[in-house]
PDB file of N, CA and C in Angstrom:
ATOM      1  N   MET A   1     100.585 -12.888  -8.362  1.00  0.00           N
ATOM      2  CA  MET A   1     100.137 -14.227  -8.624  1.00  0.00           C
ATOM      3  C   MET A   1      98.670 -14.252  -9.037  1.00  0.00           C
ATOM      4  N   SER A   2      97.878 -13.299  -8.541  1.00  0.00           N
ATOM      5  CA  SER A   2      96.454 -13.320  -8.884  1.00  0.00           C
ATOM      6  C   SER A   2      96.244 -13.015 -10.364  1.00  0.00           C
ATOM      7  N   CYS A   3      97.110 -12.179 -10.946  1.00  0.00           N
ATOM      8  CA  CYS A   3      96.971 -11.906 -12.377  1.00  0.00           C
ATOM      9  C   CYS A   3      97.301 -13.157 -13.188  1.00  0.00           C
ATOM     10  N   CYS A   4      98.254 -13.962 -12.705  1.00  0.00           N
ATOM     11  CA  CYS A   4      98.587 -15.219 -13.382  1.00  0.00           C
ATOM     12  C   CYS A   4      97.421 -16.193 -13.293  1.00  0.00           C
ATOM     13  N   ALA A   5      96.774 -16.234 -12.130  1.00  0.00           N
ATOM     14  CA  ALA A   5      95.618 -17.116 -11.967  1.00  0.00           C
ATOM     15  C   ALA A   5      94.484 -16.655 -12.882  1.00  0.00           C
ATOM     16  N   ALA A   6      94.334 -15.348 -13.024  1.00  0.00           N
ATOM     17  CA  ALA A   6      93.298 -14.823 -13.914  1.00  0.00           C
ATOM     18  C   ALA A   6      93.612 -15.175 -15.368  1.00  0.00           C
ATOM     19  N   SER A   7      94.888 -15.151 -15.725  1.00  0.00           N
ATOM     20  CA  SER A   7      95.245 -15.492 -17.100  1.00  0.00           C
ATOM     21  C   SER A   7      94.970 -16.962 -17.403  1.00  0.00           C
ATOM     22  N   VAL A   8      95.117 -17.840 -16.391  1.00  0.00           N
ATOM     23  CA  VAL A   8      94.780 -19.249 -16.578  1.00  0.00           C
ATOM     24  C   VAL A   8      93.282 -19.379 -16.848  1.00  0.00           C
ATOM     25  N   GLY A   9      92.480 -18.650 -16.107  1.00  0.00           N
ATOM     26  CA  GLY A   9      91.030 -18.677 -16.315  1.00  0.00           C
ATOM     27  C   GLY A   9      90.633 -18.136 -17.674  1.00  0.00           C
ATOM     28  N   LEU A  10      91.270 -17.049 -18.098  1.00  0.00           N
ATOM     29  CA  LEU A  10      90.970 -16.487 -19.409  1.00  0.00           C
ATOM     30  C   LEU A  10      91.376 -17.433 -20.528  1.00  0.00           C
ATOM     31  N   ALA A  11      92.560 -18.061 -20.392  1.00  0.00           N
ATOM     32  CA  ALA A  11      93.019 -18.994 -21.422  1.00  0.00           C
ATOM     33  C   ALA A  11      92.070 -20.181 -21.524  1.00  0.00           C
ATOM     34  N   THR A  12      91.583 -20.652 -20.402  1.00  0.00           N
ATOM     35  CA  THR A  12      90.631 -21.762 -20.410  1.00  0.00           C
ATOM     36  C   THR A  12      89.319 -21.327 -21.040  1.00  0.00           C
ATOM     37  N   GLY A  13      88.865 -20.150 -20.685  1.00  0.00           N
ATOM     38  CA  GLY A  13      87.601 -19.644 -21.215  1.00  0.00           C
ATOM     39  C   GLY A  13      87.623 -19.438 -22.716  1.00  0.00           C
ATOM     40  N   VAL A  14      88.756 -19.032 -23.244  1.00  0.00           N
ATOM     41  CA  VAL A  14      88.888 -18.782 -24.679  1.00  0.00           C
ATOM     42  C   VAL A  14      89.122 -20.094 -25.434  1.00  0.00           C
ATOM     43  N   GLY A  15      89.544 -21.128 -24.716  1.00  0.00           N
ATOM     44  CA  GLY A  15      89.752 -22.421 -25.355  1.00  0.00           C
ATOM     45  C   GLY A  15      91.198 -22.758 -25.642  1.00  0.00           C
ATOM     46  N   ILE A  16      92.126 -21.992 -25.076  1.00  0.00           N
ATOM     47  CA  ILE A  16      93.556 -22.267 -25.276  1.00  0.00           C
ATOM     48  C   ILE A  16      94.011 -23.151 -24.105  1.00  0.00           C
ATOM     49  N   TYR A  17      93.631 -24.416 -24.181  1.00  0.00           N
ATOM     50  CA  TYR A  17      93.859 -25.335 -23.069  1.00  0.00           C
ATOM     51  C   TYR A  17      95.331 -25.649 -22.845  1.00  0.00           C
ATOM     52  N   GLY A  18      96.104 -25.703 -23.900  1.00  0.00           N
ATOM     53  CA  GLY A  18      97.543 -25.970 -23.763  1.00  0.00           C
ATOM     54  C   GLY A  18      98.226 -24.898 -22.941  1.00  0.00           C
ATOM     55  N   LEU A  19      97.916 -23.639 -23.223  1.00  0.00           N
ATOM     56  CA  LEU A  19      98.486 -22.532 -22.465  1.00  0.00           C
ATOM     57  C   LEU A  19      98.005 -22.561 -21.016  1.00  0.00           C
ATOM     58  N   ALA A  20      96.732 -22.900 -20.804  1.00  0.00           N
ATOM     59  CA  ALA A  20      96.183 -22.962 -19.445  1.00  0.00           C
ATOM     60  C   ALA A  20      96.887 -24.042 -18.621  1.00  0.00           C
ATOM     61  N   VAL A  21      97.114 -25.208 -19.235  1.00  0.00           N
ATOM     62  CA  VAL A  21      97.808 -26.291 -18.526  1.00  0.00           C
ATOM     63  C   VAL A  21      99.247 -25.876 -18.222  1.00  0.00           C
ATOM     64  N   TRP A  22      99.936 -25.295 -19.202  1.00  0.00           N
ATOM     65  CA  TRP A  22     101.312 -24.859 -18.985  1.00  0.00           C
ATOM     66  C   TRP A  22     101.380 -23.796 -17.890  1.00  0.00           C
ATOM     67  N   ALA A  23     100.482 -22.818 -17.913  1.00  0.00           N
ATOM     68  CA  ALA A  23     100.490 -21.752 -16.907  1.00  0.00           C
ATOM     69  C   ALA A  23     100.195 -22.304 -15.519  1.00  0.00           C
ATOM     70  N   THR A  24      99.288 -23.281 -15.436  1.00  0.00           N
ATOM     71  CA  THR A  24      98.982 -23.896 -14.146  1.00  0.00           C
ATOM     72  C   THR A  24     100.205 -24.622 -13.597  1.00  0.00           C
ATOM     73  N   ALA A  25     100.887 -25.383 -14.442  1.00  0.00           N
ATOM     74  CA  ALA A  25     102.103 -26.087 -14.015  1.00  0.00           C
ATOM     75  C   ALA A  25     103.177 -25.096 -13.581  1.00  0.00           C
ATOM     76  N   PHE A  26     103.301 -23.997 -14.320  1.00  0.00           N
ATOM     77  CA  PHE A  26     104.270 -22.969 -13.958  1.00  0.00           C
ATOM     78  C   PHE A  26     103.953 -22.374 -12.586  1.00  0.00           C
ATOM     79  N   LEU A  27     102.689 -22.063 -12.328  1.00  0.00           N
ATOM     80  CA  LEU A  27     102.290 -21.493 -11.033  1.00  0.00           C
ATOM     81  C   LEU A  27     102.557 -22.448  -9.883  1.00  0.00           C
ATOM     82  N   VAL A  28     102.221 -23.716 -10.080  1.00  0.00           N
ATOM     83  CA  VAL A  28     102.468 -24.711  -9.029  1.00  0.00           C
ATOM     84  C   VAL A  28     103.967 -24.821  -8.748  1.00  0.00           C
ATOM     85  N   GLY A  29     104.778 -24.861  -9.788  1.00  0.00           N
ATOM     86  CA  GLY A  29     106.229 -24.926  -9.616  1.00  0.00           C
ATOM     87  C   GLY A  29     106.789 -23.691  -8.917  1.00  0.00           C
ATOM     88  N   ALA A  30     106.309 -22.516  -9.311  1.00  0.00           N
ATOM     89  CA  ALA A  30     106.788 -21.276  -8.689  1.00  0.00           C
ATOM     90  C   ALA A  30     106.422 -21.221  -7.213  1.00  0.00           C
ATOM     91  N   LEU A  31     105.202 -21.618  -6.882  1.00  0.00           N
ATOM     92  CA  LEU A  31     104.781 -21.613  -5.476  1.00  0.00           C
ATOM     93  C   LEU A  31     105.570 -22.633  -4.651  1.00  0.00           C
ATOM     94  N   ALA A  32     105.855 -23.791  -5.223  1.00  0.00           N
ATOM     95  CA  ALA A  32     106.653 -24.799  -4.517  1.00  0.00           C
ATOM     96  C   ALA A  32     108.064 -24.282  -4.268  1.00  0.00           C
ATOM     97  N   LEU A  33     108.636 -23.600  -5.242  1.00  0.00           N
ATOM     98  CA  LEU A  33     109.975 -23.037  -5.092  1.00  0.00           C
ATOM     99  C   LEU A  33     110.000 -21.966  -4.006  1.00  0.00           C
ATOM    100  N   ILE A  34     109.025 -21.086  -4.031  1.00  0.00           N
ATOM    101  CA  ILE A  34     108.963 -20.020  -3.026  1.00  0.00           C
ATOM    102  C   ILE A  34     108.784 -20.608  -1.634  1.00  0.00           C
ATOM    103  N   GLU A  35     107.942 -21.624  -1.515  1.00  0.00           N
ATOM    104  CA  GLU A  35     107.692 -22.244  -0.212  1.00  0.00           C
ATOM    105  C   GLU A  35     108.918 -22.955   0.332  1.00  0.00           C
ATOM    106  N   SER A  36     109.779 -23.452  -0.536  1.00  0.00           N
ATOM    107  CA  SER A  36     110.977 -24.167  -0.080  1.00  0.00           C
ATOM    108  C   SER A  36     111.961 -23.239   0.632  1.00  0.00           C
ATOM    109  N   PHE A  37     111.881 -21.950   0.389  1.00  0.00           N
ATOM    110  CA  PHE A  37     112.769 -20.990   1.054  1.00  0.00           C
ATOM    111  C   PHE A  37     112.282 -20.608   2.445  1.00  0.00           C
ATOM    112  N   GLU A  38     111.069 -20.984   2.781  1.00  0.00           N
ATOM    113  CA  GLU A  38     110.507 -20.648   4.084  1.00  0.00           C
ATOM    114  C   GLU A  38     111.215 -21.459   5.174  1.00  0.00           C
ATOM    115  N   PRO A  39     111.658 -20.799   6.248  1.00  0.00           N
ATOM    116  CA  PRO A  39     112.343 -21.546   7.310  1.00  0.00           C
ATOM    117  C   PRO A  39     111.362 -22.488   8.018  1.00  0.00           C
ATOM    118  N   THR A  40     111.908 -23.607   8.507  1.00  0.00           N
ATOM    119  CA  THR A  40     111.052 -24.556   9.214  1.00  0.00           C
ATOM    120  C   THR A  40     110.606 -23.956  10.543  1.00  0.00           C
ATOM    121  N   SER A  41     109.387 -24.216  10.900  1.00  0.00           N
ATOM    122  CA  SER A  41     108.847 -23.706  12.153  1.00  0.00           C
ATOM    123  C   SER A  41     109.289 -24.607  13.299  1.00  0.00           C
ATOM    124  N   VAL A  42     109.751 -23.983  14.364  1.00  0.00           N
ATOM    125  CA  VAL A  42     110.219 -24.726  15.533  1.00  0.00           C
ATOM    126  C   VAL A  42     109.593 -24.145  16.798  1.00  0.00           C
ATOM    127  N   THR A  43     109.590 -24.969  17.828  1.00  0.00           N
ATOM    128  CA  THR A  43     109.177 -24.529  19.159  1.00  0.00           C
ATOM    129  C   THR A  43     110.398 -24.625  20.059  1.00  0.00           C
ATOM    130  N   ASN A  44     110.652 -23.588  20.837  1.00  0.00           N
ATOM    131  CA  ASN A  44     111.800 -23.556  21.737  1.00  0.00           C
ATOM    132  C   ASN A  44     111.415 -24.130  23.097  1.00  0.00           C
ATOM    133  N   PHE A  45     112.254 -25.019  23.609  1.00  0.00           N
ATOM    134  CA  PHE A  45     112.032 -25.644  24.909  1.00  0.00           C
ATOM    135  C   PHE A  45     113.318 -25.614  25.718  1.00  0.00           C
ATOM    136  N   GLU A  46     113.142 -25.702  27.038  1.00  0.00           N
ATOM    137  CA  GLU A  46     114.252 -26.057  27.912  1.00  0.00           C
ATOM    138  C   GLU A  46     113.979 -27.499  28.317  1.00  0.00           C
ATOM    139  N   LEU A  47     114.889 -28.383  27.978  1.00  0.00           N
ATOM    140  CA  LEU A  47     114.760 -29.803  28.261  1.00  0.00           C
ATOM    141  C   LEU A  47     115.595 -30.126  29.486  1.00  0.00           C
ATOM    142  N   GLN A  48     114.933 -30.617  30.540  1.00  0.00           N
ATOM    143  CA  GLN A  48     115.638 -30.954  31.773  1.00  0.00           C
ATOM    144  C   GLN A  48     115.506 -32.442  32.045  1.00  0.00           C
ATOM    145  N   LEU A  49     116.647 -33.081  32.268  1.00  0.00           N
ATOM    146  CA  LEU A  49     116.698 -34.496  32.622  1.00  0.00           C
ATOM    147  C   LEU A  49     117.238 -34.586  34.037  1.00  0.00           C
ATOM    148  N   THR A  50     116.460 -35.154  34.941  1.00  0.00           N
ATOM    149  CA  THR A  50     116.875 -35.250  36.338  1.00  0.00           C
ATOM    150  C   THR A  50     116.789 -36.698  36.804  1.00  0.00           C
ATOM    151  N   GLY A  51     117.493 -36.985  37.913  1.00  0.00           N
ATOM    152  CA  GLY A  51     117.475 -38.321  38.493  1.00  0.00           C
ATOM    153  C   GLY A  51     118.299 -39.325  37.711  1.00  0.00           C
ATOM    154  N   LEU A  52     119.261 -38.843  36.932  1.00  0.00           N
ATOM    155  CA  LEU A  52     120.112 -39.738  36.144  1.00  0.00           C
ATOM    156  C   LEU A  52     121.130 -40.417  37.044  1.00  0.00           C
ATOM    157  N   LYS A  53     121.492 -41.632  36.697  1.00  0.00           N
ATOM    158  CA  LYS A  53     122.471 -42.379  37.478  1.00  0.00           C
ATOM    159  C   LYS A  53     123.870 -41.815  37.269  1.00  0.00           C
ATOM    160  N   ASP A  54     124.238 -41.575  36.010  1.00  0.00           N
ATOM    161  CA  ASP A  54     125.545 -41.008  35.664  1.00  0.00           C
ATOM    162  C   ASP A  54     125.371 -40.142  34.419  1.00  0.00           C
ATOM    163  N   ALA A  55     125.141 -38.856  34.642  1.00  0.00           N
ATOM    164  CA  ALA A  55     124.822 -37.939  33.541  1.00  0.00           C
ATOM    165  C   ALA A  55     125.943 -37.863  32.512  1.00  0.00           C
ATOM    166  N   GLY A  56     127.187 -37.995  32.953  1.00  0.00           N
ATOM    167  CA  GLY A  56     128.311 -37.922  32.024  1.00  0.00           C
ATOM    168  C   GLY A  56     128.290 -39.020  30.982  1.00  0.00           C
ATOM    169  N   ASN A  57     127.878 -40.227  31.373  1.00  0.00           N
ATOM    170  CA  ASN A  57     127.806 -41.333  30.421  1.00  0.00           C
ATOM    171  C   ASN A  57     126.540 -41.300  29.577  1.00  0.00           C
ATOM    172  N   VAL A  58     125.479 -40.726  30.103  1.00  0.00           N
ATOM    173  CA  VAL A  58     124.202 -40.674  29.393  1.00  0.00           C
ATOM    174  C   VAL A  58     124.195 -39.546  28.359  1.00  0.00           C
ATOM    175  N   ARG A  59     124.942 -38.494  28.616  1.00  0.00           N
ATOM    176  CA  ARG A  59     124.910 -37.300  27.766  1.00  0.00           C
ATOM    177  C   ARG A  59     125.135 -37.573  26.277  1.00  0.00           C
ATOM    178  N   PRO A  60     126.176 -38.317  25.867  1.00  0.00           N
ATOM    179  CA  PRO A  60     126.367 -38.537  24.416  1.00  0.00           C
ATOM    180  C   PRO A  60     125.193 -39.279  23.782  1.00  0.00           C
ATOM    181  N   ARG A  61     124.598 -40.206  24.523  1.00  0.00           N
ATOM    182  CA  ARG A  61     123.469 -40.959  23.982  1.00  0.00           C
ATOM    183  C   ARG A  61     122.221 -40.085  23.882  1.00  0.00           C
ATOM    184  N   VAL A  62     122.040 -39.167  24.833  1.00  0.00           N
ATOM    185  CA  VAL A  62     120.922 -38.220  24.758  1.00  0.00           C
ATOM    186  C   VAL A  62     121.095 -37.335  23.528  1.00  0.00           C
ATOM    187  N   GLU A  63     122.295 -36.872  23.296  1.00  0.00           N
ATOM    188  CA  GLU A  63     122.549 -36.007  22.144  1.00  0.00           C
ATOM    189  C   GLU A  63     122.374 -36.760  20.825  1.00  0.00           C
ATOM    190  N   GLN A  64     122.647 -38.068  20.812  1.00  0.00           N
ATOM    191  CA  GLN A  64     122.379 -38.876  19.617  1.00  0.00           C
ATOM    192  C   GLN A  64     120.873 -38.954  19.351  1.00  0.00           C
ATOM    193  N   VAL A  65     120.088 -39.119  20.412  1.00  0.00           N
ATOM    194  CA  VAL A  65     118.627 -39.164  20.257  1.00  0.00           C
ATOM    195  C   VAL A  65     118.129 -37.835  19.702  1.00  0.00           C
ATOM    196  N   LEU A  66     118.608 -36.728  20.249  1.00  0.00           N
ATOM    197  CA  LEU A  66     118.180 -35.409  19.780  1.00  0.00           C
ATOM    198  C   LEU A  66     118.566 -35.212  18.309  1.00  0.00           C
ATOM    199  N   ALA A  67     119.763 -35.650  17.935  1.00  0.00           N
ATOM    200  CA  ALA A  67     120.196 -35.520  16.542  1.00  0.00           C
ATOM    201  C   ALA A  67     119.351 -36.406  15.625  1.00  0.00           C
ATOM    202  N   ARG A  68     118.977 -37.598  16.088  1.00  0.00           N
ATOM    203  CA  ARG A  68     118.161 -38.510  15.278  1.00  0.00           C
ATOM    204  C   ARG A  68     116.807 -37.882  14.945  1.00  0.00           C
ATOM    205  N   TYR A  69     116.265 -37.105  15.870  1.00  0.00           N
ATOM    206  CA  TYR A  69     114.977 -36.441  15.647  1.00  0.00           C
ATOM    207  C   TYR A  69     115.148 -35.046  15.036  1.00  0.00           C
ATOM    208  N   ARG A  70     116.360 -34.713  14.583  1.00  0.00           N
ATOM    209  CA  ARG A  70     116.664 -33.410  13.965  1.00  0.00           C
ATOM    210  C   ARG A  70     116.318 -32.241  14.891  1.00  0.00           C
ATOM    211  N   ILE A  71     116.647 -32.397  16.163  1.00  0.00           N
ATOM    212  CA  ILE A  71     116.389 -31.358  17.164  1.00  0.00           C
ATOM    213  C   ILE A  71     117.696 -30.620  17.428  1.00  0.00           C
ATOM    214  N   GLU A  72     117.680 -29.337  17.132  1.00  0.00           N
ATOM    215  CA  GLU A  72     118.847 -28.496  17.403  1.00  0.00           C
ATOM    216  C   GLU A  72     118.949 -28.311  18.911  1.00  0.00           C
ATOM    217  N   HIS A  73     120.134 -28.524  19.479  1.00  0.00           N
ATOM    218  CA  HIS A  73     120.268 -28.486  20.934  1.00  0.00           C
ATOM    219  C   HIS A  73     121.601 -27.868  21.348  1.00  0.00           C
ATOM    220  N   SER A  74     121.591 -27.325  22.568  1.00  0.00           N
ATOM    221  CA  SER A  74     122.835 -26.856  23.177  1.00  0.00           C
ATOM    222  C   SER A  74     122.741 -27.107  24.679  1.00  0.00           C
ATOM    223  N   LEU A  75     123.793 -27.665  25.221  1.00  0.00           N
ATOM    224  CA  LEU A  75     123.850 -27.999  26.640  1.00  0.00           C
ATOM    225  C   LEU A  75     123.937 -26.726  27.468  1.00  0.00           C
ATOM    226  N   ARG A  76     123.097 -26.609  28.458  1.00  0.00           N
ATOM    227  CA  ARG A  76     123.122 -25.439  29.351  1.00  0.00           C
ATOM    228  C   ARG A  76     123.799 -25.769  30.667  1.00  0.00           C
ATOM    229  N   THR A  77     123.403 -26.860  31.316  1.00  0.00           N
ATOM    230  CA  THR A  77     124.034 -27.243  32.578  1.00  0.00           C
ATOM    231  C   THR A  77     124.160 -28.757  32.639  1.00  0.00           C
ATOM    232  N   GLN A  78     125.181 -29.204  33.395  1.00  0.00           N
ATOM    233  CA  GLN A  78     125.386 -30.626  33.614  1.00  0.00           C
ATOM    234  C   GLN A  78     125.890 -30.834  35.028  1.00  0.00           C
ATOM    235  N   SER A  79     125.305 -31.801  35.728  1.00  0.00           N
ATOM    236  CA  SER A  79     125.784 -32.216  37.046  1.00  0.00           C
ATOM    237  C   SER A  79     125.851 -33.731  37.038  1.00  0.00           C
ATOM    238  N   ASP A  80     126.162 -34.341  38.174  1.00  0.00           N
ATOM    239  CA  ASP A  80     126.266 -35.799  38.236  1.00  0.00           C
ATOM    240  C   ASP A  80     124.932 -36.482  37.966  1.00  0.00           C
ATOM    241  N   GLU A  81     123.827 -35.822  38.310  1.00  0.00           N
ATOM    242  CA  GLU A  81     122.512 -36.460  38.192  1.00  0.00           C
ATOM    243  C   GLU A  81     121.535 -35.723  37.283  1.00  0.00           C
ATOM    244  N   ALA A  82     121.991 -34.669  36.608  1.00  0.00           N
ATOM    245  CA  ALA A  82     121.051 -33.884  35.800  1.00  0.00           C
ATOM    246  C   ALA A  82     121.729 -33.286  34.568  1.00  0.00           C
ATOM    247  N   LEU A  83     120.910 -33.089  33.539  1.00  0.00           N
ATOM    248  CA  LEU A  83     121.328 -32.403  32.316  1.00  0.00           C
ATOM    249  C   LEU A  83     120.241 -31.399  31.959  1.00  0.00           C
ATOM    250  N   SER A  84     120.654 -30.279  31.390  1.00  0.00           N
ATOM    251  CA  SER A  84     119.699 -29.276  30.936  1.00  0.00           C
ATOM    252  C   SER A  84     120.133 -28.778  29.563  1.00  0.00           C
ATOM    253  N   TYR A  85     119.185 -28.793  28.617  1.00  0.00           N
ATOM    254  CA  TYR A  85     119.453 -28.366  27.250  1.00  0.00           C
ATOM    255  C   TYR A  85     118.473 -27.287  26.829  1.00  0.00           C
ATOM    256  N   GLU A  86     118.932 -26.422  25.949  1.00  0.00           N
ATOM    257  CA  GLU A  86     118.037 -25.527  25.221  1.00  0.00           C
ATOM    258  C   GLU A  86     117.858 -26.176  23.859  1.00  0.00           C
ATOM    259  N   VAL A  87     116.605 -26.463  23.486  1.00  0.00           N
ATOM    260  CA  VAL A  87     116.354 -27.198  22.246  1.00  0.00           C
ATOM    261  C   VAL A  87     115.349 -26.469  21.371  1.00  0.00           C
ATOM    262  N   LYS A  88     115.469 -26.692  20.058  1.00  0.00           N
ATOM    263  CA  LYS A  88     114.518 -26.173  19.078  1.00  0.00           C
ATOM    264  C   LYS A  88     113.919 -27.374  18.367  1.00  0.00           C
ATOM    265  N   VAL A  89     112.646 -27.638  18.658  1.00  0.00           N
ATOM    266  CA  VAL A  89     111.973 -28.829  18.163  1.00  0.00           C
ATOM    267  C   VAL A  89     111.104 -28.457  16.959  1.00  0.00           C
ATOM    268  N   PRO A  90     111.326 -29.108  15.796  1.00  0.00           N
ATOM    269  CA  PRO A  90     110.435 -28.871  14.649  1.00  0.00           C
ATOM    270  C   PRO A  90     108.995 -29.233  15.014  1.00  0.00           C
ATOM    271  N   LEU A  91     108.039 -28.503  14.447  1.00  0.00           N
ATOM    272  CA  LEU A  91     106.634 -28.691  14.810  1.00  0.00           C
ATOM    273  C   LEU A  91     106.123 -30.100  14.532  1.00  0.00           C
ATOM    274  N   GLU A  92     106.698 -30.788  13.541  1.00  0.00           N
ATOM    275  CA  GLU A  92     106.185 -32.114  13.208  1.00  0.00           C
ATOM    276  C   GLU A  92     106.701 -33.211  14.149  1.00  0.00           C
ATOM    277  N   ILE A  93     107.636 -32.894  15.042  1.00  0.00           N
ATOM    278  CA  ILE A  93     108.187 -33.867  15.984  1.00  0.00           C
ATOM    279  C   ILE A  93     107.369 -33.833  17.278  1.00  0.00           C
ATOM    280  N   GLU A  94     106.931 -35.011  17.723  1.00  0.00           N
ATOM    281  CA  GLU A  94     106.187 -35.113  18.980  1.00  0.00           C
ATOM    282  C   GLU A  94     107.177 -35.321  20.120  1.00  0.00           C
ATOM    283  N   THR A  95     107.071 -34.495  21.161  1.00  0.00           N
ATOM    284  CA  THR A  95     108.004 -34.593  22.281  1.00  0.00           C
ATOM    285  C   THR A  95     107.830 -35.898  23.054  1.00  0.00           C
ATOM    286  N   ASP A  96     106.648 -36.502  23.008  1.00  0.00           N
ATOM    287  CA  ASP A  96     106.427 -37.774  23.709  1.00  0.00           C
ATOM    288  C   ASP A  96     107.344 -38.869  23.172  1.00  0.00           C
ATOM    289  N   ARG A  97     107.510 -38.911  21.862  1.00  0.00           N
ATOM    290  CA  ARG A  97     108.372 -39.921  21.261  1.00  0.00           C
ATOM    291  C   ARG A  97     109.825 -39.714  21.679  1.00  0.00           C
ATOM    292  N   VAL A  98     110.258 -38.448  21.730  1.00  0.00           N
ATOM    293  CA  VAL A  98     111.626 -38.141  22.141  1.00  0.00           C
ATOM    294  C   VAL A  98     111.815 -38.492  23.615  1.00  0.00           C
ATOM    295  N   THR A  99     110.822 -38.165  24.440  1.00  0.00           N
ATOM    296  CA  THR A  99     110.884 -38.484  25.866  1.00  0.00           C
ATOM    297  C   THR A  99     111.041 -39.982  26.075  1.00  0.00           C
ATOM    298  N   ASN A 100     110.242 -40.778  25.385  1.00  0.00           N
ATOM    299  CA  ASN A 100     110.330 -42.234  25.530  1.00  0.00           C
ATOM    300  C   ASN A 100     111.692 -42.761  25.109  1.00  0.00           C
ATOM    301  N   ALA A 101     112.250 -42.210  24.040  1.00  0.00           N
ATOM    302  CA  ALA A 101     113.580 -42.633  23.588  1.00  0.00           C
ATOM    303  C   ALA A 101     114.644 -42.277  24.621  1.00  0.00           C
ATOM    304  N   ILE A 102     114.513 -41.113  25.244  1.00  0.00           N
ATOM    305  CA  ILE A 102     115.490 -40.697  26.266  1.00  0.00           C
ATOM    306  C   ILE A 102     115.356 -41.557  27.515  1.00  0.00           C
ATOM    307  N   LEU A 103     114.134 -41.862  27.926  1.00  0.00           N
ATOM    308  CA  LEU A 103     113.928 -42.674  29.128  1.00  0.00           C
ATOM    309  C   LEU A 103     114.486 -44.087  28.969  1.00  0.00           C
ATOM    310  N   LYS A 104     114.538 -44.591  27.756  1.00  0.00           N
ATOM    311  CA  LYS A 104     115.106 -45.920  27.516  1.00  0.00           C
ATOM    312  C   LYS A 104     116.627 -45.940  27.719  1.00  0.00           C
ATOM    313  N   LEU A 105     117.259 -44.762  27.688  1.00  0.00           N
ATOM    314  CA  LEU A 105     118.709 -44.694  27.838  1.00  0.00           C
ATOM    315  C   LEU A 105     119.157 -44.928  29.277  1.00  0.00           C
ATOM    316  N   ASP A 106     118.349 -44.485  30.239  1.00  0.00           N
ATOM    317  CA  ASP A 106     118.694 -44.610  31.657  1.00  0.00           C
ATOM    318  C   ASP A 106     117.483 -45.200  32.373  1.00  0.00           C
ATOM    319  N   THR A 107     117.610 -46.433  32.803  1.00  0.00           N
ATOM    320  CA  THR A 107     116.459 -47.130  33.394  1.00  0.00           C
ATOM    321  C   THR A 107     116.322 -46.900  34.898  1.00  0.00           C
ATOM    322  N   THR A 108     117.035 -45.924  35.443  1.00  0.00           N
ATOM    323  CA  THR A 108     116.912 -45.595  36.855  1.00  0.00           C
ATOM    324  C   THR A 108     115.473 -45.185  37.150  1.00  0.00           C
ATOM    325  N   ALA A 109     114.955 -45.656  38.259  1.00  0.00           N
ATOM    326  CA  ALA A 109     113.541 -45.433  38.586  1.00  0.00           C
ATOM    327  C   ALA A 109     113.186 -43.947  38.716  1.00  0.00           C
ATOM    328  N   GLY A 110     114.091 -43.124  39.157  1.00  0.00           N
ATOM    329  CA  GLY A 110     113.773 -41.718  39.394  1.00  0.00           C
ATOM    330  C   GLY A 110     114.059 -40.785  38.235  1.00  0.00           C
ATOM    331  N   THR A 111     114.400 -41.314  37.080  1.00  0.00           N
ATOM    332  CA  THR A 111     114.730 -40.468  35.930  1.00  0.00           C
ATOM    333  C   THR A 111     113.485 -39.724  35.450  1.00  0.00           C
ATOM    334  N   ALA A 112     113.623 -38.418  35.248  1.00  0.00           N
ATOM    335  CA  ALA A 112     112.507 -37.591  34.791  1.00  0.00           C
ATOM    336  C   ALA A 112     112.952 -36.726  33.618  1.00  0.00           C
ATOM    337  N   VAL A 113     112.043 -36.542  32.677  1.00  0.00           N
ATOM    338  CA  VAL A 113     112.278 -35.687  31.512  1.00  0.00           C
ATOM    339  C   VAL A 113     111.211 -34.609  31.527  1.00  0.00           C
ATOM    340  N   GLU A 114     111.638 -33.355  31.516  1.00  0.00           N
ATOM    341  CA  GLU A 114     110.688 -32.245  31.573  1.00  0.00           C
ATOM    342  C   GLU A 114     110.954 -31.276  30.431  1.00  0.00           C
ATOM    343  N   TRP A 115     109.880 -30.946  29.699  1.00  0.00           N
ATOM    344  CA  TRP A 115     109.948 -29.989  28.595  1.00  0.00           C
ATOM    345  C   TRP A 115     109.250 -28.709  29.042  1.00  0.00           C
ATOM    346  N   GLU A 116     109.992 -27.608  29.082  1.00  0.00           N
ATOM    347  CA  GLU A 116     109.387 -26.321  29.431  1.00  0.00           C
ATOM    348  C   GLU A 116     109.477 -25.405  28.215  1.00  0.00           C
ATOM    349  N   GLU A 117     108.323 -25.002  27.706  1.00  0.00           N
ATOM    350  CA  GLU A 117     108.303 -24.160  26.502  1.00  0.00           C
ATOM    351  C   GLU A 117     108.829 -22.764  26.824  1.00  0.00           C
ATOM    352  N   LYS A 118     109.685 -22.279  25.948  1.00  0.00           N
ATOM    353  CA  LYS A 118     110.265 -20.944  26.100  1.00  0.00           C
ATOM    354  C   LYS A 118     109.684 -20.021  25.047  1.00  0.00           C
ATOM    355  N   LYS A 119     109.321 -18.844  25.428  1.00  0.00           N
ATOM    356  CA  LYS A 119     108.838 -17.836  24.492  1.00  0.00           C
ATOM    357  C   LYS A 119     110.035 -17.062  23.962  1.00  0.00           C
ATOM    358  N   VAL A 120     110.083 -16.911  22.637  1.00  0.00           N
ATOM    359  CA  VAL A 120     111.167 -16.175  22.000  1.00  0.00           C
ATOM    360  C   VAL A 120     110.836 -14.699  22.023  1.00  0.00           C
ATOM    361  N   LYS A 121     111.798 -13.904  22.453  1.00  0.00           N
ATOM    362  CA  LYS A 121     111.607 -12.451  22.468  1.00  0.00           C
ATOM    363  C   LYS A 121     111.812 -11.908  21.071  1.00  0.00           C
ATOM    364  N   LYS A 122     110.826 -11.173  20.590  1.00  0.00           N
ATOM    365  CA  LYS A 122     110.936 -10.564  19.252  1.00  0.00           C
ATOM    366  C   LYS A 122     111.494  -9.158  19.407  1.00  0.00           C
ATOM    367  N   SER A 123     112.508  -8.868  18.610  1.00  0.00           N
ATOM    368  CA  SER A 123     113.126  -7.536  18.737  1.00  0.00           C
ATOM    369  C   SER A 123     112.684  -6.631  17.622  1.00  0.00           C
TER     370      SER A 123
END
């Protein structure tokens, strides 16, 4: 790519502005295409919901909230009063907003939402 950038500079310096503009547009397009193949960055969490009144009825609505925020999730444990998920949260999503949306689903006074960051093991 640096040789292409140098050719844009040379074309401009020599006065071939049409070629310089075309080469610049080509470089921007190529970089945008390459960047689109990059996987989205995510943070891994264990999401624990405790103090629920009826976890079985709340679960589908919690999963709708997670899907609305494009959070990949898988249920790990479920009991009458608790749910636990393994989630992958995109970096641009704020967990506070998701927490508030989940808390609105169950208005029980003791409901708690806890996000514990998980470190991914690199092999």
